[in-house]
């Protein structure tokens, strides 16, 4: 079923939803920080905008919010195509290969 909303309205609603989620996350981070860190570590409390800034900083440093899409999507798609073209015997052989752990070389320091 096709949506009846124009594309511009969809974009505006998505932007509004994203801002609402960021606002709620900021409130949650600020509340958790102010509840835990002063009692545990003696650190100062955060204001709302500092909490939002902390979210943005963590996003820049560690990634996130995006879920698993885009990470290895092409390779995963290629492997799925290859898997579908394999015979059951080839699949079993590959499974056995994946499950095998080879011991370190003799004389290595591992």
N, C-alpha and C. Protein backbone atom coordinates (compact mmCIF):
# COMPACT_ATOMS: atom_id res chain seq x y z
N UNK A 1 0.84 -1.17 0.00
CA UNK A 1 0.00 0.00 0.00
C UNK A 1 0.90 1.24 0.00
N UNK A 2 0.60 2.17 -0.86
CA UNK A 2 1.41 3.36 -1.00
C UNK A 2 0.95 4.44 -0.02
N UNK A 3 1.91 5.17 0.53
CA UNK A 3 1.59 6.24 1.46
C UNK A 3 1.03 7.44 0.71
N UNK A 4 0.14 8.15 1.34
CA UNK A 4 -0.50 9.30 0.70
C UNK A 4 0.16 10.62 1.08
N UNK A 5 1.14 10.58 1.96
CA UNK A 5 1.82 11.80 2.37
C UNK A 5 2.85 12.20 1.33
N UNK A 6 2.95 13.50 1.04
CA UNK A 6 4.00 13.95 0.12
C UNK A 6 5.38 13.73 0.73
N UNK A 7 6.37 13.67 -0.13
CA UNK A 7 7.74 13.37 0.31
C UNK A 7 8.26 14.42 1.29
N UNK A 8 7.98 15.70 1.04
CA UNK A 8 8.43 16.77 1.94
C UNK A 8 7.87 16.63 3.34
N UNK A 9 6.61 16.21 3.43
CA UNK A 9 5.99 16.01 4.74
C UNK A 9 6.65 14.84 5.46
N UNK A 10 6.96 13.77 4.72
CA UNK A 10 7.63 12.62 5.32
C UNK A 10 8.99 13.03 5.88
N UNK A 11 9.73 13.82 5.11
CA UNK A 11 11.05 14.27 5.57
C UNK A 11 10.92 15.13 6.82
N UNK A 12 9.95 16.03 6.82
CA UNK A 12 9.74 16.89 7.99
C UNK A 12 9.35 16.07 9.22
N UNK A 13 8.48 15.08 9.03
CA UNK A 13 8.09 14.23 10.16
C UNK A 13 9.27 13.41 10.68
N UNK A 14 10.09 12.91 9.76
CA UNK A 14 11.27 12.15 10.17
C UNK A 14 12.23 13.05 10.96
N UNK A 15 12.45 14.28 10.48
CA UNK A 15 13.33 15.21 11.19
C UNK A 15 12.78 15.54 12.57
N UNK A 16 11.48 15.73 12.67
CA UNK A 16 10.85 16.02 13.95
C UNK A 16 11.00 14.83 14.90
N UNK A 17 10.81 13.63 14.38
CA UNK A 17 10.96 12.42 15.19
C UNK A 17 12.41 12.26 15.67
N UNK A 18 13.37 12.55 14.79
CA UNK A 18 14.78 12.45 15.16
C UNK A 18 15.12 13.45 16.27
N UNK A 19 14.59 14.66 16.16
CA UNK A 19 14.83 15.67 17.20
C UNK A 19 14.19 15.25 18.53
N UNK A 20 13.00 14.68 18.46
CA UNK A 20 12.34 14.23 19.68
C UNK A 20 13.12 13.10 20.35
N UNK A 21 13.65 12.18 19.54
CA UNK A 21 14.45 11.08 20.10
C UNK A 21 15.72 11.62 20.72
N UNK A 22 16.38 12.57 20.05
CA UNK A 22 17.59 13.18 20.61
C UNK A 22 17.29 13.91 21.91
N UNK A 23 16.16 14.61 21.95
CA UNK A 23 15.78 15.32 23.18
C UNK A 23 15.53 14.34 24.32
N UNK A 24 14.84 13.25 24.02
CA UNK A 24 14.58 12.24 25.05
C UNK A 24 15.87 11.56 25.50
N UNK A 25 16.76 11.24 24.55
CA UNK A 25 18.05 10.64 24.91
C UNK A 25 18.87 11.58 25.78
N UNK A 26 18.85 12.85 25.45
CA UNK A 26 19.56 13.83 26.27
C UNK A 26 19.06 13.85 27.70
N UNK A 27 17.75 13.80 27.84
CA UNK A 27 17.16 13.78 29.18
C UNK A 27 17.53 12.51 29.93
N UNK A 28 17.51 11.38 29.24
CA UNK A 28 17.85 10.10 29.88
C UNK A 28 19.32 10.10 30.29
N UNK A 29 20.22 10.54 29.40
CA UNK A 29 21.65 10.56 29.72
C UNK A 29 21.92 11.51 30.89
N UNK A 30 21.30 12.69 30.86
CA UNK A 30 21.50 13.65 31.94
C UNK A 30 21.02 13.07 33.27
N UNK A 31 19.85 12.44 33.26
CA UNK A 31 19.30 11.88 34.50
C UNK A 31 20.18 10.75 35.04
N UNK A 32 20.61 9.84 34.16
CA UNK A 32 21.46 8.74 34.61
C UNK A 32 22.81 9.23 35.10
N UNK A 33 23.40 10.16 34.37
CA UNK A 33 24.70 10.72 34.77
C UNK A 33 24.59 11.37 36.14
N UNK A 34 23.57 12.23 36.31
CA UNK A 34 23.43 12.97 37.56
C UNK A 34 23.02 12.07 38.72
N UNK A 35 22.45 10.92 38.43
CA UNK A 35 22.08 9.99 39.48
C UNK A 35 23.27 9.13 39.90
N UNK A 36 24.09 8.71 38.92
CA UNK A 36 25.14 7.74 39.22
C UNK A 36 26.51 8.35 39.51
N UNK A 37 27.00 9.20 38.62
CA UNK A 37 28.41 9.59 38.73
C UNK A 37 28.75 10.43 39.96
N UNK A 38 27.90 11.36 40.41
CA UNK A 38 28.28 12.06 41.65
C UNK A 38 28.37 11.13 42.85
N UNK A 39 27.47 10.17 42.94
CA UNK A 39 27.47 9.25 44.08
C UNK A 39 28.62 8.25 43.99
N UNK A 40 28.92 7.78 42.77
CA UNK A 40 29.96 6.75 42.63
C UNK A 40 31.37 7.33 42.59
N UNK A 41 31.54 8.40 41.82
CA UNK A 41 32.89 8.91 41.58
C UNK A 41 33.13 10.32 42.11
N UNK A 42 32.09 10.99 42.57
CA UNK A 42 32.24 12.35 43.05
C UNK A 42 32.37 13.38 41.93
N UNK A 43 31.96 13.02 40.73
CA UNK A 43 32.05 13.94 39.59
C UNK A 43 30.91 14.95 39.63
N UNK A 44 31.06 16.02 38.86
CA UNK A 44 30.03 17.06 38.80
C UNK A 44 28.83 16.57 38.00
N UNK A 45 27.72 17.25 38.20
CA UNK A 45 26.51 16.92 37.45
C UNK A 45 26.56 17.58 36.08
N UNK A 46 25.75 17.06 35.16
CA UNK A 46 25.67 17.59 33.80
C UNK A 46 24.39 18.38 33.61
N UNK A 47 24.47 19.39 32.76
CA UNK A 47 23.27 20.08 32.31
C UNK A 47 22.71 19.35 31.09
N UNK A 48 21.54 19.78 30.66
CA UNK A 48 20.88 19.12 29.52
C UNK A 48 21.73 19.20 28.27
N UNK A 49 22.22 20.37 27.91
CA UNK A 49 22.99 20.53 26.66
C UNK A 49 24.33 19.82 26.74
N UNK A 50 24.89 19.72 27.93
CA UNK A 50 26.11 18.94 28.08
C UNK A 50 25.84 17.45 27.84
N UNK A 51 24.69 16.97 28.27
CA UNK A 51 24.32 15.57 28.03
C UNK A 51 24.11 15.32 26.54
N UNK A 52 23.46 16.26 25.85
CA UNK A 52 23.27 16.12 24.40
C UNK A 52 24.63 16.14 23.71
N UNK A 53 25.52 17.02 24.16
CA UNK A 53 26.87 17.06 23.60
C UNK A 53 27.63 15.77 23.84
N UNK A 54 27.43 15.16 25.00
CA UNK A 54 28.06 13.88 25.31
C UNK A 54 27.56 12.78 24.37
N UNK A 55 26.27 12.80 24.05
CA UNK A 55 25.70 11.83 23.10
C UNK A 55 26.35 12.00 21.74
N UNK A 56 26.43 13.25 21.28
CA UNK A 56 27.03 13.52 19.97
C UNK A 56 28.50 13.10 19.96
N UNK A 57 29.23 13.41 21.03
CA UNK A 57 30.63 13.03 21.12
C UNK A 57 30.80 11.52 21.08
N UNK A 58 29.97 10.79 21.82
CA UNK A 58 30.04 9.33 21.80
C UNK A 58 29.71 8.80 20.43
N UNK A 59 28.77 9.42 19.76
CA UNK A 59 28.41 9.00 18.39
C UNK A 59 29.59 9.19 17.46
N UNK A 60 30.30 10.31 17.59
CA UNK A 60 31.45 10.57 16.73
C UNK A 60 32.60 9.61 17.04
N UNK A 61 32.83 9.33 18.31
CA UNK A 61 33.96 8.50 18.70
C UNK A 61 33.71 7.01 18.47
N UNK A 62 32.52 6.55 18.79
CA UNK A 62 32.27 5.11 18.80
C UNK A 62 31.29 4.64 17.74
N UNK A 63 30.66 5.54 17.02
CA UNK A 63 29.63 5.15 16.06
C UNK A 63 28.38 4.76 16.81
N UNK A 64 27.45 4.17 16.14
CA UNK A 64 26.24 3.74 16.81
C UNK A 64 25.02 4.41 16.20
N UNK A 65 23.88 4.16 16.75
CA UNK A 65 22.58 4.66 16.31
C UNK A 65 22.21 4.13 14.94
N UNK A 66 23.18 3.59 14.18
CA UNK A 66 22.88 3.19 12.82
C UNK A 66 22.49 1.73 12.68
N UNK A 67 22.71 0.95 13.67
CA UNK A 67 22.40 -0.46 13.56
C UNK A 67 23.40 -1.17 12.66
N UNK A 68 23.11 -2.41 12.29
CA UNK A 68 24.06 -3.20 11.54
C UNK A 68 24.09 -2.91 10.04
N UNK A 69 23.17 -2.13 9.51
CA UNK A 69 23.16 -1.93 8.06
C UNK A 69 24.39 -1.15 7.62
N UNK A 70 24.85 -1.49 6.44
CA UNK A 70 26.00 -0.79 5.88
C UNK A 70 27.34 -1.38 6.28
N UNK A 71 27.35 -2.26 7.25
CA UNK A 71 28.61 -2.86 7.69
C UNK A 71 28.75 -4.23 7.05
N UNK A 72 29.54 -4.31 6.02
CA UNK A 72 29.77 -5.58 5.37
C UNK A 72 28.58 -6.07 4.56
N UNK A 73 27.72 -5.16 4.17
CA UNK A 73 26.52 -5.55 3.44
C UNK A 73 26.83 -6.20 2.11
N UNK A 74 27.77 -5.65 1.37
CA UNK A 74 28.12 -6.20 0.06
C UNK A 74 28.74 -7.58 0.21
N UNK A 75 29.67 -7.71 1.15
CA UNK A 75 30.33 -9.00 1.36
C UNK A 75 29.34 -10.05 1.84
N UNK A 76 28.43 -9.65 2.71
CA UNK A 76 27.42 -10.58 3.21
C UNK A 76 26.50 -11.03 2.07
N UNK A 77 26.13 -10.10 1.21
CA UNK A 77 25.27 -10.43 0.07
C UNK A 77 25.99 -11.39 -0.88
N UNK A 78 27.27 -11.12 -1.13
CA UNK A 78 28.05 -11.99 -2.01
C UNK A 78 28.18 -13.39 -1.44
N UNK A 79 28.42 -13.47 -0.12
CA UNK A 79 28.56 -14.78 0.51
C UNK A 79 27.24 -15.53 0.47
N UNK A 80 26.12 -14.84 0.64
CA UNK A 80 24.82 -15.50 0.58
C UNK A 80 24.57 -16.07 -0.82
N UNK A 81 24.95 -15.30 -1.84
CA UNK A 81 24.79 -15.80 -3.22
C UNK A 81 25.64 -17.06 -3.43
N UNK A 82 26.87 -17.03 -2.96
CA UNK A 82 27.74 -18.20 -3.10
C UNK A 82 27.17 -19.40 -2.34
N UNK A 83 26.65 -19.14 -1.14
CA UNK A 83 26.10 -20.20 -0.31
C UNK A 83 24.93 -20.88 -1.01
N UNK A 84 24.08 -20.08 -1.64
CA UNK A 84 22.91 -20.63 -2.32
C UNK A 84 23.30 -21.47 -3.53
N UNK A 85 24.45 -21.20 -4.12
CA UNK A 85 24.89 -21.95 -5.29
C UNK A 85 25.65 -23.23 -4.92
N UNK A 86 25.99 -23.41 -3.65
CA UNK A 86 26.74 -24.58 -3.23
C UNK A 86 25.84 -25.80 -3.10
N UNK A 87 26.45 -26.96 -3.29
CA UNK A 87 25.75 -28.21 -3.04
C UNK A 87 25.76 -28.48 -1.53
N UNK A 88 24.89 -29.36 -1.04
CA UNK A 88 24.91 -29.68 0.39
C UNK A 88 26.26 -30.21 0.87
N UNK A 89 26.96 -30.96 0.01
CA UNK A 89 28.28 -31.48 0.40
C UNK A 89 29.28 -30.34 0.56
N UNK A 90 29.23 -29.37 -0.34
CA UNK A 90 30.14 -28.23 -0.24
C UNK A 90 29.84 -27.40 1.00
N UNK A 91 28.56 -27.27 1.33
CA UNK A 91 28.18 -26.52 2.53
C UNK A 91 28.71 -27.21 3.79
N UNK A 92 28.58 -28.52 3.86
CA UNK A 92 29.09 -29.26 5.01
C UNK A 92 30.60 -29.13 5.12
N UNK A 93 31.27 -29.18 3.99
CA UNK A 93 32.73 -29.04 3.99
C UNK A 93 33.13 -27.66 4.52
N UNK A 94 32.41 -26.63 4.09
CA UNK A 94 32.70 -25.27 4.56
C UNK A 94 32.39 -25.12 6.04
N UNK A 95 31.28 -25.69 6.50
CA UNK A 95 30.96 -25.65 7.94
C UNK A 95 32.05 -26.31 8.76
N UNK A 96 32.54 -27.46 8.28
CA UNK A 96 33.61 -28.16 9.00
C UNK A 96 34.88 -27.31 9.04
N UNK A 97 35.14 -26.62 7.95
CA UNK A 97 36.32 -25.76 7.88
C UNK A 97 36.19 -24.58 8.86
N UNK A 98 35.01 -23.98 8.96
CA UNK A 98 34.78 -22.86 9.87
C UNK A 98 34.90 -23.28 11.33
N UNK A 99 34.48 -24.50 11.63
CA UNK A 99 34.49 -24.95 13.01
C UNK A 99 35.84 -25.46 13.48
N UNK A 100 36.77 -25.67 12.56
CA UNK A 100 38.07 -26.23 12.91
C UNK A 100 38.97 -25.14 13.48
N UNK A 101 39.62 -25.44 14.60
CA UNK A 101 40.58 -24.52 15.19
C UNK A 101 41.94 -25.17 15.03
N UNK A 102 42.83 -24.47 14.35
CA UNK A 102 44.16 -25.05 14.11
C UNK A 102 45.07 -24.69 15.27
N UNK A 103 45.89 -25.64 15.73
CA UNK A 103 46.83 -25.33 16.81
C UNK A 103 47.92 -24.41 16.32
N UNK A 104 48.54 -23.64 17.21
CA UNK A 104 49.62 -22.76 16.79
C UNK A 104 50.80 -23.56 16.26
N UNK A 105 51.59 -22.92 15.43
CA UNK A 105 52.79 -23.57 14.87
C UNK A 105 53.73 -23.97 16.01
N UNK A 106 54.43 -25.06 15.84
CA UNK A 106 55.39 -25.45 16.86
C UNK A 106 56.55 -24.46 16.84
N UNK A 107 56.95 -24.03 18.02
CA UNK A 107 58.04 -23.06 18.11
C UNK A 107 57.56 -21.62 18.20
N UNK A 108 56.23 -21.40 18.05
CA UNK A 108 55.73 -20.01 18.18
C UNK A 108 55.51 -19.71 19.65
N UNK A 109 55.50 -18.44 19.96
CA UNK A 109 55.35 -18.00 21.34
C UNK A 109 53.91 -17.71 21.72
N UNK A 110 52.97 -18.23 20.99
CA UNK A 110 51.56 -17.93 21.28
C UNK A 110 51.02 -18.81 22.35
